[in-house]
Amino acid sequence: MTSWREERRQAAVEHAAALERKKAAESAQARQLLAGFIETLKERGVEPEPLRAQVIGSNASYRTDLTGWYLRRNRSLAVDVDGNFYILGVPASLKSRVAGVRVLPSDPPLVVGQGARDGESMPLAELLRLRLES
């Protein structure tokens, strides 16, 4: 007979695994949306540009080694030429100001800004559509 504690532990493990599978499936869908977005930009002749990381709480930005397209007007989100998704907010740093900053890709969400303040979350498909219209 298994104990109540062991049953709860197993339920928690199964729940975490289910959430991870859901997140992976959503990221796969989001990657497909980003690939279509990039394809459309290339068809339209929109060239990628050097991406800069925005300093959180400031108008300053730092160089990165990335090339791609910004997804938001405030340049806080971008996709590189390989379809990787980036959140471009970084803390202020004297070293980064001089040498630039390395930003790592994130798993793309289906809803950008989920959990943020009201009005800041938006389905990725809608964000990409708006970006293509601008």
C-alpha atoms as a PDB file:
ATOM      1  CA  MET A   1       0.000   0.000   0.000  1.00  0.00           C
ATOM      2  CA  THR A   2       1.315   3.443  -0.915  1.00  0.00           C
ATOM      3  CA  SER A   3       1.221   6.263   1.568  1.00  0.00           C
ATOM      4  CA  TRP A   4      -0.745   9.454   1.099  1.00  0.00           C
ATOM      5  CA  ARG A   5       2.527  11.359   0.892  1.00  0.00           C
ATOM      6  CA  GLU A   6       3.823   9.112  -1.915  1.00  0.00           C
ATOM      7  CA  GLU A   7       0.538   9.499  -3.832  1.00  0.00           C
ATOM      8  CA  ARG A   8       0.742  13.305  -3.539  1.00  0.00           C
ATOM      9  CA  ARG A   9       4.379  13.268  -4.676  1.00  0.00           C
ATOM     10  CA  GLN A  10       3.495  11.128  -7.693  1.00  0.00           C
ATOM     11  CA  ALA A  11       0.532  13.382  -8.548  1.00  0.00           C
ATOM     12  CA  ALA A  12       2.817  16.430  -8.386  1.00  0.00           C
ATOM     13  CA  VAL A  13       5.357  14.757 -10.693  1.00  0.00           C
ATOM     14  CA  GLU A  14       2.634  13.844 -13.205  1.00  0.00           C
ATOM     15  CA  HIS A  15       1.183  17.364 -13.066  1.00  0.00           C
ATOM     16  CA  ALA A  16       4.612  18.930 -13.685  1.00  0.00           C
ATOM     17  CA  ALA A  17       5.219  16.569 -16.625  1.00  0.00           C
ATOM     18  CA  ALA A  18       1.822  17.453 -18.141  1.00  0.00           C
ATOM     19  CA  LEU A  19       2.578  21.181 -17.827  1.00  0.00           C
ATOM     20  CA  GLU A  20       5.974  20.682 -19.466  1.00  0.00           C
ATOM     21  CA  ARG A  21       4.381  18.775 -22.372  1.00  0.00           C
ATOM     22  CA  LYS A  22       1.800  21.548 -22.815  1.00  0.00           C
ATOM     23  CA  LYS A  23       4.497  24.234 -22.786  1.00  0.00           C
ATOM     24  CA  ALA A  24       6.585  22.290 -25.332  1.00  0.00           C
ATOM     25  CA  ALA A  25       3.566  21.882 -27.637  1.00  0.00           C
ATOM     26  CA  GLU A  26       2.765  25.607 -27.385  1.00  0.00           C
ATOM     27  CA  SER A  27       6.386  26.527 -28.108  1.00  0.00           C
ATOM     28  CA  ALA A  28       6.353  24.271 -31.170  1.00  0.00           C
ATOM     29  CA  GLN A  29       3.219  26.046 -32.443  1.00  0.00           C
ATOM     30  CA  ALA A  30       4.797  29.435 -31.726  1.00  0.00           C
ATOM     31  CA  ARG A  31       7.970  28.425 -33.619  1.00  0.00           C
ATOM     32  CA  GLN A  32       5.806  27.582 -36.648  1.00  0.00           C
ATOM     33  CA  LEU A  33       4.175  31.023 -36.438  1.00  0.00           C
ATOM     34  CA  LEU A  34       7.609  32.672 -36.260  1.00  0.00           C
ATOM     35  CA  ALA A  35       8.863  30.641 -39.247  1.00  0.00           C
ATOM     36  CA  GLY A  36       5.859  31.803 -41.295  1.00  0.00           C
ATOM     37  CA  PHE A  37       6.468  35.385 -40.160  1.00  0.00           C
ATOM     38  CA  ILE A  38      10.110  35.247 -41.276  1.00  0.00           C
ATOM     39  CA  GLU A  39       9.140  33.687 -44.599  1.00  0.00           C
ATOM     40  CA  THR A  40       6.636  36.489 -45.229  1.00  0.00           C
ATOM     41  CA  LEU A  41       9.204  39.160 -44.341  1.00  0.00           C
ATOM     42  CA  LYS A  42      11.725  37.626 -46.729  1.00  0.00           C
ATOM     43  CA  GLU A  43       9.106  37.425 -49.501  1.00  0.00           C
ATOM     44  CA  ARG A  44       8.403  41.129 -48.968  1.00  0.00           C
ATOM     45  CA  GLY A  45      12.100  41.959 -49.083  1.00  0.00           C
ATOM     46  CA  VAL A  46      12.254  43.157 -45.468  1.00  0.00           C
ATOM     47  CA  GLU A  47      15.889  42.780 -44.510  1.00  0.00           C
ATOM     48  CA  PRO A  48      16.940  41.755 -40.995  1.00  0.00           C
ATOM     49  CA  GLU A  49      18.781  44.347 -38.949  1.00  0.00           C
ATOM     50  CA  PRO A  50      21.270  44.271 -36.082  1.00  0.00           C
ATOM     51  CA  LEU A  51      19.318  43.800 -32.854  1.00  0.00           C
ATOM     52  CA  ARG A  52      19.974  45.816 -29.714  1.00  0.00           C
ATOM     53  CA  ALA A  53      19.023  44.858 -26.160  1.00  0.00           C
ATOM     54  CA  GLN A  54      16.978  47.464 -24.308  1.00  0.00           C
ATOM     55  CA  VAL A  55      18.131  48.472 -20.822  1.00  0.00           C
ATOM     56  CA  ILE A  56      15.256  47.868 -18.433  1.00  0.00           C
ATOM     57  CA  GLY A  57      13.789  51.139 -17.178  1.00  0.00           C
ATOM     58  CA  SER A  58      15.871  53.256 -19.530  1.00  0.00           C
ATOM     59  CA  ASN A  59      15.995  54.507 -23.103  1.00  0.00           C
ATOM     60  CA  ALA A  60      19.513  53.093 -23.496  1.00  0.00           C
ATOM     61  CA  SER A  61      20.328  49.947 -25.431  1.00  0.00           C
ATOM     62  CA  TYR A  62      23.335  47.680 -25.890  1.00  0.00           C
ATOM     63  CA  ARG A  63      24.792  45.955 -28.942  1.00  0.00           C
ATOM     64  CA  THR A  64      24.177  42.237 -29.418  1.00  0.00           C
ATOM     65  CA  ASP A  65      25.599  39.786 -31.928  1.00  0.00           C
ATOM     66  CA  LEU A  66      22.073  39.105 -33.222  1.00  0.00           C
ATOM     67  CA  THR A  67      20.470  39.973 -36.536  1.00  0.00           C
ATOM     68  CA  GLY A  68      16.729  39.761 -37.039  1.00  0.00           C
ATOM     69  CA  TRP A  69      13.465  41.626 -36.720  1.00  0.00           C
ATOM     70  CA  TYR A  70      11.817  43.382 -33.778  1.00  0.00           C
ATOM     71  CA  LEU A  71       8.324  42.176 -32.919  1.00  0.00           C
ATOM     72  CA  ARG A  72       7.233  45.134 -30.790  1.00  0.00           C
ATOM     73  CA  ARG A  73       7.602  48.848 -31.399  1.00  0.00           C
ATOM     74  CA  ASN A  74       9.413  49.239 -28.080  1.00  0.00           C
ATOM     75  CA  ARG A  75      11.988  46.709 -29.378  1.00  0.00           C
ATOM     76  CA  SER A  76      11.589  44.478 -26.328  1.00  0.00           C
ATOM     77  CA  LEU A  77      10.950  41.298 -28.355  1.00  0.00           C
ATOM     78  CA  ALA A  78      12.619  40.009 -31.487  1.00  0.00           C
ATOM     79  CA  VAL A  79      13.179  36.997 -33.689  1.00  0.00           C
ATOM     80  CA  ASP A  80      16.545  36.274 -35.297  1.00  0.00           C
ATOM     81  CA  VAL A  81      17.174  35.047 -38.822  1.00  0.00           C
ATOM     82  CA  ASP A  82      17.138  31.438 -37.574  1.00  0.00           C
ATOM     83  CA  GLY A  83      13.697  31.809 -35.972  1.00  0.00           C
ATOM     84  CA  ASN A  84      14.888  32.055 -32.373  1.00  0.00           C
ATOM     85  CA  PHE A  85      12.745  34.203 -30.062  1.00  0.00           C
ATOM     86  CA  TYR A  86      14.395  36.812 -27.823  1.00  0.00           C
ATOM     87  CA  ILE A  87      13.298  38.933 -24.912  1.00  0.00           C
ATOM     88  CA  LEU A  88      15.594  41.927 -25.236  1.00  0.00           C
ATOM     89  CA  GLY A  89      15.333  43.483 -21.770  1.00  0.00           C
ATOM     90  CA  VAL A  90      18.637  43.553 -19.892  1.00  0.00           C
ATOM     91  CA  PRO A  91      19.891  45.221 -16.704  1.00  0.00           C
ATOM     92  CA  ALA A  92      22.190  48.235 -16.905  1.00  0.00           C
ATOM     93  CA  SER A  93      25.884  47.387 -16.913  1.00  0.00           C
ATOM     94  CA  LEU A  94      29.017  49.397 -17.646  1.00  0.00           C
ATOM     95  CA  LYS A  95      30.703  46.323 -19.121  1.00  0.00           C
ATOM     96  CA  SER A  96      27.722  45.687 -21.442  1.00  0.00           C
ATOM     97  CA  ARG A  97      27.729  49.330 -22.478  1.00  0.00           C
ATOM     98  CA  VAL A  98      31.286  48.938 -23.720  1.00  0.00           C
ATOM     99  CA  ALA A  99      31.435  45.311 -24.890  1.00  0.00           C
ATOM    100  CA  GLY A 100      27.823  44.656 -25.809  1.00  0.00           C
ATOM    101  CA  VAL A 101      25.604  41.987 -24.340  1.00  0.00           C
ATOM    102  CA  ARG A 102      24.857  38.354 -25.122  1.00  0.00           C
ATOM    103  CA  VAL A 103      21.150  37.548 -25.080  1.00  0.00           C
ATOM    104  CA  LEU A 104      20.007  33.930 -25.004  1.00  0.00           C
ATOM    105  CA  PRO A 105      16.935  32.728 -26.903  1.00  0.00           C
ATOM    106  CA  SER A 106      13.740  31.889 -25.032  1.00  0.00           C
ATOM    107  CA  ASP A 107      11.009  29.406 -25.804  1.00  0.00           C
ATOM    108  CA  PRO A 108       8.433  31.413 -27.750  1.00  0.00           C
ATOM    109  CA  PRO A 109       5.007  31.652 -26.109  1.00  0.00           C
ATOM    110  CA  LEU A 110       1.657  31.488 -27.878  1.00  0.00           C
ATOM    111  CA  VAL A 111       0.559  34.453 -25.738  1.00  0.00           C
ATOM    112  CA  VAL A 112       3.166  37.196 -25.419  1.00  0.00           C
ATOM    113  CA  GLY A 113       3.210  38.986 -22.079  1.00  0.00           C
ATOM    114  CA  GLN A 114       0.917  36.517 -20.328  1.00  0.00           C
ATOM    115  CA  GLY A 115       0.774  37.400 -16.653  1.00  0.00           C
ATOM    116  CA  ALA A 116       1.757  41.004 -17.350  1.00  0.00           C
ATOM    117  CA  ARG A 117      -0.393  44.041 -16.666  1.00  0.00           C
ATOM    118  CA  ASP A 118      -3.762  44.286 -18.390  1.00  0.00           C
ATOM    119  CA  GLY A 119      -3.442  45.202 -22.031  1.00  0.00           C
ATOM    120  CA  GLU A 120       0.141  43.965 -22.302  1.00  0.00           C
ATOM    121  CA  SER A 121      -0.619  40.367 -23.201  1.00  0.00           C
ATOM    122  CA  MET A 122      -1.438  39.453 -26.778  1.00  0.00           C
ATOM    123  CA  PRO A 123      -1.625  36.266 -28.809  1.00  0.00           C
ATOM    124  CA  LEU A 124       1.609  35.818 -30.768  1.00  0.00           C
ATOM    125  CA  ALA A 125      -0.341  35.370 -34.015  1.00  0.00           C
ATOM    126  CA  GLU A 126      -1.980  38.783 -33.493  1.00  0.00           C
ATOM    127  CA  LEU A 127       1.346  40.444 -32.639  1.00  0.00           C
ATOM    128  CA  LEU A 128       2.928  39.050 -35.813  1.00  0.00           C
ATOM    129  CA  ARG A 129      -0.067  40.124 -37.910  1.00  0.00           C
ATOM    130  CA  LEU A 130       0.169  43.671 -36.540  1.00  0.00           C
ATOM    131  CA  ARG A 131       3.923  43.737 -37.176  1.00  0.00           C
ATOM    132  CA  LEU A 132       3.401  42.669 -40.791  1.00  0.00           C
ATOM    133  CA  GLU A 133       0.808  45.427 -41.268  1.00  0.00           C
ATOM    134  CA  SER A 134       3.104  48.174 -39.978  1.00  0.00           C
END
